């Protein structure tokens, strides 16, 4: 039987496909959920929605114009390819608003805020996986962060606080609170879409039965391990007692965490374990992920 060759789509085509689907989803969230119910998001999208509601300027026009300075800025802060992709996303979003027949969803407000945030997060996450963004606020944060003592997160947070305060003053505290829920839901959804449900976790294990632990991690879980040489002991009241020990480090997915804990409990209930989330991991014995 002949080997069937796997067809690989060109990277730029896959990026365009992800960007298109992401923009359509984000447009659905904005036009079907947020705009009909006068809810807001953070960032440039939130500013655009505020201008649209207060001054009745067409939303596609506001979104494109508001993002243009950040598109130009991104060509210097990041690179020109990123700027081009961002420009394509913003223009596609404006086209979707103008020509896509999105239905208007006006239901229970908590449902609107949660599902509006969910669809918006999916859309934003897909564009990020394609190497772009739908909102220029992160670019502003990066640009400003290089020229001040504030981090990108602090700058973005401050801008979003101002957006939700204006929303509270103009449209009431209830609208502002629901908008914050929308933003929170969108942010968490973006994390899942970009990082994937199998987000990597780095686990450090210190056990008196380290040889058995190493064997189980490699031969049962199929994980690669790194072993550091250290010392354990130095306890209060018994400081002089200490001995050499192996410090084991491995990388697993969050879905494997419970299995690892059960395995370690069976081997050594007193084993010391701590874990940290890893944003990026490559090489070694890791499951291959699709490009993003």
Protein backbone atom coordinates (compact mmCIF):
# COMPACT_ATOMS: atom_id res chain seq x y z
CA UNK A 1 0.00 0.00 0.00
CA UNK A 2 1.40 3.36 -1.00
CA UNK A 3 2.12 5.92 1.65
CA UNK A 4 -0.39 8.74 1.56
CA UNK A 5 1.40 12.08 1.71
CA UNK A 6 0.08 14.57 4.18
CA UNK A 7 -1.04 17.77 2.52
CA UNK A 8 0.34 20.89 4.23
CA UNK A 9 -1.47 24.13 3.57
CA UNK A 10 0.74 27.13 2.96
CA UNK A 11 1.31 29.05 6.18
CA UNK A 12 -0.05 32.30 4.79
CA UNK A 13 -3.26 30.57 3.65
CA UNK A 14 -3.77 28.99 7.08
CA UNK A 15 -3.20 32.37 8.70
CA UNK A 16 -5.72 34.01 6.39
CA UNK A 17 -8.25 31.26 7.13
CA UNK A 18 -7.82 31.65 10.90
CA UNK A 19 -8.02 35.44 10.60
CA UNK A 20 -11.21 35.25 8.52
CA UNK A 21 -12.98 32.84 10.89
CA UNK A 22 -11.77 34.85 13.90
CA UNK A 23 -13.04 38.13 12.44
CA UNK A 24 -16.45 36.60 11.61
CA UNK A 25 -16.76 35.27 15.17
CA UNK A 26 -15.72 38.60 16.71
CA UNK A 27 -18.17 40.43 14.45
CA UNK A 28 -20.91 38.03 15.55
CA UNK A 29 -20.15 38.78 19.21
CA UNK A 30 -20.16 42.55 18.67
CA UNK A 31 -23.08 42.91 16.27
CA UNK A 32 -25.35 40.19 17.71
CA UNK A 33 -24.65 40.48 21.45
CA UNK A 34 -22.81 43.60 22.56
CA UNK A 35 -24.16 46.39 20.32
CA UNK A 36 -27.91 45.52 20.59
CA UNK A 37 -27.63 45.36 24.38
CA UNK A 38 -25.30 48.39 24.75
CA UNK A 39 -22.54 46.32 26.35
CA UNK A 40 -18.88 47.21 26.08
CA UNK A 41 -15.52 45.50 25.84
CA UNK A 42 -12.07 46.69 26.87
CA UNK A 43 -9.34 48.14 24.67
CA UNK A 44 -9.86 49.87 21.34
CA UNK A 45 -13.06 47.86 20.79
CA UNK A 46 -14.48 49.26 24.03
CA UNK A 47 -13.49 52.82 23.07
CA UNK A 48 -15.08 52.33 19.64
CA UNK A 49 -18.29 51.01 21.19
CA UNK A 50 -18.44 54.00 23.55
CA UNK A 51 -18.00 56.48 20.66
CA UNK A 52 -20.63 54.59 18.65
CA UNK A 53 -23.19 54.71 21.49
CA UNK A 54 -22.50 58.29 22.63
CA UNK A 55 -22.00 60.03 19.26
CA UNK A 56 -23.82 57.53 16.96
CA UNK A 57 -20.88 57.21 14.59
CA UNK A 58 -21.07 53.98 12.50
CA UNK A 59 -19.18 51.27 14.37
CA UNK A 60 -17.17 49.95 11.34
CA UNK A 61 -15.85 53.46 10.67
CA UNK A 62 -14.88 54.02 14.30
CA UNK A 63 -13.15 50.63 14.62
CA UNK A 64 -11.04 51.13 11.50
CA UNK A 65 -10.07 54.74 12.29
CA UNK A 66 -9.36 53.99 15.99
CA UNK A 67 -7.04 51.10 15.10
CA UNK A 68 -5.11 52.87 12.34
CA UNK A 69 -2.60 54.60 14.67
CA UNK A 70 -1.87 51.29 16.38
CA UNK A 71 -1.40 49.53 13.05
CA UNK A 72 1.27 52.07 12.14
CA UNK A 73 2.75 51.79 15.63
CA UNK A 74 2.91 47.98 15.40
CA UNK A 75 5.11 48.17 12.29
CA UNK A 76 7.79 49.78 14.49
CA UNK A 77 7.12 48.01 17.80
CA UNK A 78 6.72 44.50 16.33
CA UNK A 79 7.23 44.17 12.55
CA UNK A 80 5.65 45.06 9.21
CA UNK A 81 4.17 41.61 8.64
CA UNK A 82 2.26 41.90 11.92
CA UNK A 83 1.06 45.38 10.92
CA UNK A 84 -0.21 44.09 7.55
CA UNK A 85 -2.07 41.21 9.22
CA UNK A 86 -3.61 43.56 11.76
CA UNK A 87 -4.72 45.91 8.97
CA UNK A 88 -6.33 42.99 7.10
CA UNK A 89 -8.17 41.88 10.27
CA UNK A 90 -9.51 45.36 11.01
CA UNK A 91 -10.66 45.91 7.42
CA UNK A 92 -12.29 42.45 7.32
CA UNK A 93 -14.12 43.28 10.55
CA UNK A 94 -15.44 46.50 9.01
CA UNK A 95 -16.59 44.56 5.92
CA UNK A 96 -18.35 42.01 8.14
CA UNK A 97 -20.24 44.76 9.95
CA UNK A 98 -21.31 46.32 6.65
CA UNK A 99 -22.35 43.20 4.71
CA UNK A 100 -22.72 40.19 7.04
CA UNK A 101 -26.35 39.51 8.12
CA UNK A 102 -25.73 39.05 11.83
CA UNK A 103 -28.88 38.36 13.90
CA UNK A 104 -29.66 40.57 16.89
CA UNK A 105 -29.63 38.61 20.15
CA UNK A 106 -31.49 40.38 22.95
CA UNK A 107 -32.04 37.97 25.84
CA UNK A 108 -31.18 37.72 29.51
CA UNK A 109 -28.32 40.14 30.23
CA UNK A 110 -26.07 37.67 32.08
CA UNK A 111 -26.34 35.31 29.08
CA UNK A 112 -25.51 38.15 26.70
CA UNK A 113 -22.42 39.15 28.70
CA UNK A 114 -21.12 35.57 29.04
CA UNK A 115 -21.80 34.32 25.50
CA UNK A 116 -20.92 37.64 23.92
CA UNK A 117 -17.58 37.49 25.72
CA UNK A 118 -17.13 33.85 24.74
CA UNK A 119 -17.63 34.40 21.01
CA UNK A 120 -15.51 37.55 21.13
CA UNK A 121 -12.73 35.64 22.89
CA UNK A 122 -12.84 32.85 20.31
CA UNK A 123 -12.57 35.40 17.50
CA UNK A 124 -9.68 37.29 19.11
CA UNK A 125 -7.91 34.04 20.02
CA UNK A 126 -8.06 32.74 16.43
CA UNK A 127 -6.56 35.95 15.06
CA UNK A 128 -3.76 35.74 17.65
CA UNK A 129 -3.03 32.16 16.57
CA UNK A 130 -2.68 33.56 13.04
CA UNK A 131 -0.05 36.02 14.27
CA UNK A 132 -2.26 39.10 14.43
CA UNK A 133 -4.63 40.99 16.73
CA UNK A 134 -8.04 42.62 16.42
CA UNK A 135 -7.37 45.29 19.01
CA UNK A 136 -4.46 47.72 19.09
CA UNK A 137 -4.46 48.30 22.85
CA UNK A 138 -1.75 45.65 23.42
CA UNK A 139 0.45 47.41 20.86
CA UNK A 140 -0.02 50.69 22.75
CA UNK A 141 0.87 48.90 25.99
CA UNK A 142 4.07 47.53 24.47
CA UNK A 143 5.01 50.91 23.01
CA UNK A 144 4.35 52.79 26.24
CA UNK A 145 5.90 50.07 28.40
CA UNK A 146 9.27 50.58 26.71
CA UNK A 147 9.17 54.26 27.59
CA UNK A 148 7.89 54.09 31.16
CA UNK A 149 8.28 52.08 34.34
CA UNK A 150 4.82 50.53 33.93
CA UNK A 151 4.29 47.03 32.53
CA UNK A 152 2.06 46.29 29.52
CA UNK A 153 -0.51 44.67 31.82
CA UNK A 154 -0.67 47.73 34.08
CA UNK A 155 -1.13 50.10 31.13
CA UNK A 156 -3.88 47.99 29.53
CA UNK A 157 -5.60 47.60 32.92
CA UNK A 158 -5.57 51.37 33.53
CA UNK A 159 -7.09 52.07 30.09
CA UNK A 160 -9.81 49.46 30.64
CA UNK A 161 -10.66 50.92 34.07
CA UNK A 162 -11.23 54.30 32.39
CA UNK A 163 -13.45 52.69 29.73
CA UNK A 164 -15.65 50.95 32.29
CA UNK A 165 -15.84 54.07 34.47
CA UNK A 166 -17.10 56.10 31.49
CA UNK A 167 -19.60 53.32 30.72
CA UNK A 168 -20.83 53.45 34.32
CA UNK A 169 -21.27 57.25 34.23
CA UNK A 170 -23.01 57.32 30.83
CA UNK A 171 -25.05 54.10 30.85
CA UNK A 172 -25.31 53.06 34.49
CA UNK A 173 -23.38 50.84 36.87
CA UNK A 174 -25.29 47.70 35.83
CA UNK A 175 -24.21 48.07 32.19
CA UNK A 176 -20.63 48.66 33.29
CA UNK A 177 -20.61 45.56 35.51
CA UNK A 178 -22.06 43.38 32.75
CA UNK A 179 -19.45 44.80 30.38
CA UNK A 180 -16.71 43.86 32.84
CA UNK A 181 -18.10 40.32 32.91
CA UNK A 182 -18.02 40.28 29.10
CA UNK A 183 -14.39 41.41 29.13
CA UNK A 184 -13.41 38.82 31.74
CA UNK A 185 -15.12 36.00 29.80
CA UNK A 186 -13.45 37.10 26.56
CA UNK A 187 -10.02 37.23 28.26
CA UNK A 188 -10.31 33.71 29.68
CA UNK A 189 -11.59 32.36 26.35
CA UNK A 190 -8.64 33.94 24.54
CA UNK A 191 -6.30 32.11 26.94
CA UNK A 192 -7.91 28.76 26.13
CA UNK A 193 -7.94 29.35 22.38
CA UNK A 194 -4.33 30.58 22.23
CA UNK A 195 -2.74 28.24 24.79
CA UNK A 196 -5.08 25.30 24.20
CA UNK A 197 -6.76 23.15 26.81
CA UNK A 198 -3.49 21.21 27.13
CA UNK A 199 -1.53 24.11 28.55
CA UNK A 200 1.88 22.95 29.71
CA UNK A 201 2.76 22.78 33.40
CA UNK A 202 6.27 22.46 34.82
CA UNK A 203 6.38 20.16 37.86
CA UNK A 204 9.23 19.88 40.38
CA UNK A 205 9.32 16.78 42.61
CA UNK A 206 11.48 16.07 45.66
CA UNK A 207 11.06 12.53 47.00
CA UNK A 208 13.02 10.06 49.12
CA UNK A 209 12.04 7.43 46.53
CA UNK A 210 13.31 9.39 43.55
CA UNK A 211 14.55 6.35 41.58
CA UNK A 212 11.03 4.86 41.46
CA UNK A 213 9.54 8.26 40.65
CA UNK A 214 11.94 8.71 37.71
CA UNK A 215 11.11 5.24 36.39
CA UNK A 216 7.34 5.84 36.56
CA UNK A 217 7.53 9.30 34.94
CA UNK A 218 9.54 8.03 32.00
CA UNK A 219 8.10 4.53 31.48
CA UNK A 220 4.46 4.99 32.56
CA UNK A 221 3.70 8.63 31.78
CA UNK A 222 6.12 8.79 28.85
CA UNK A 223 7.52 12.16 29.95
CA UNK A 224 11.05 13.45 29.68
CA UNK A 225 12.71 14.43 32.95
CA UNK A 226 15.59 16.61 34.13
CA UNK A 227 17.37 15.75 37.39
CA UNK A 228 19.14 18.31 39.57
CA UNK A 229 21.42 17.32 42.41
CA UNK A 230 20.48 18.94 45.70
CA UNK A 231 20.27 18.50 49.46
CA UNK A 232 17.26 17.99 51.69
CA UNK A 233 16.91 18.51 55.41
CA UNK A 234 17.93 21.64 57.35
CA UNK A 235 14.68 21.52 59.34
CA UNK A 236 13.99 23.79 62.35
CA UNK A 237 15.30 22.12 65.47
CA UNK A 238 17.19 19.56 63.39
CA UNK A 239 19.31 21.81 61.19
CA UNK A 240 22.42 19.60 61.20
CA UNK A 241 20.61 16.67 59.55
CA UNK A 242 20.69 16.76 55.76
CA UNK A 243 21.39 14.41 52.88
CA UNK A 244 21.83 14.41 49.11
CA UNK A 245 18.71 14.12 46.99
CA UNK A 246 17.55 14.21 43.38
CA UNK A 247 15.31 17.12 42.36
CA UNK A 248 13.17 15.95 39.45
CA UNK A 249 11.67 18.35 36.92
CA UNK A 250 9.23 17.38 34.18
CA UNK A 251 6.71 19.08 31.86
CA UNK A 252 3.16 17.75 31.53
CA UNK A 253 -0.19 19.03 30.35
CA UNK A 254 -2.75 20.25 32.85
CA UNK A 255 -4.95 17.25 31.96
CA UNK A 256 -2.21 14.93 33.23
CA UNK A 257 -1.79 16.71 36.58
CA UNK A 258 -4.30 14.57 38.48
CA UNK A 259 -2.79 11.36 37.08
CA UNK A 260 0.69 12.51 38.17
CA UNK A 261 -0.48 13.36 41.68
CA UNK A 262 -2.15 9.95 42.08
CA UNK A 263 0.98 8.20 40.83
CA UNK A 264 3.23 10.11 43.26
CA UNK A 265 0.86 9.50 46.16
CA UNK A 266 1.10 5.75 45.58
CA UNK A 267 4.92 5.90 45.50
CA UNK A 268 5.63 8.47 48.22
CA UNK A 269 2.73 10.23 50.02
CA UNK A 270 5.25 12.63 51.59
CA UNK A 271 6.81 13.75 48.29
CA UNK A 272 7.14 17.52 47.90
CA UNK A 273 5.60 18.79 44.65
CA UNK A 274 5.12 22.24 43.18
CA UNK A 275 3.96 23.29 39.72
CA UNK A 276 4.15 26.37 37.49
CA UNK A 277 2.26 27.20 34.31
CA UNK A 278 4.50 27.34 31.23
CA UNK A 279 3.45 29.73 28.46
CA UNK A 280 5.74 28.33 25.78
CA UNK A 281 7.46 24.96 25.46
CA UNK A 282 9.19 23.22 22.58
CA UNK A 283 11.67 20.43 21.97
CA UNK A 284 12.27 17.50 24.28
CA UNK A 285 9.57 14.87 24.70
CA UNK A 286 6.49 17.02 24.19
CA UNK A 287 3.35 16.38 22.20
CA UNK A 288 3.50 18.26 18.95
CA UNK A 289 1.11 21.19 18.74
CA UNK A 290 -0.25 22.87 15.67
CA UNK A 291 1.45 26.09 14.70
CA UNK A 292 0.04 29.32 16.08
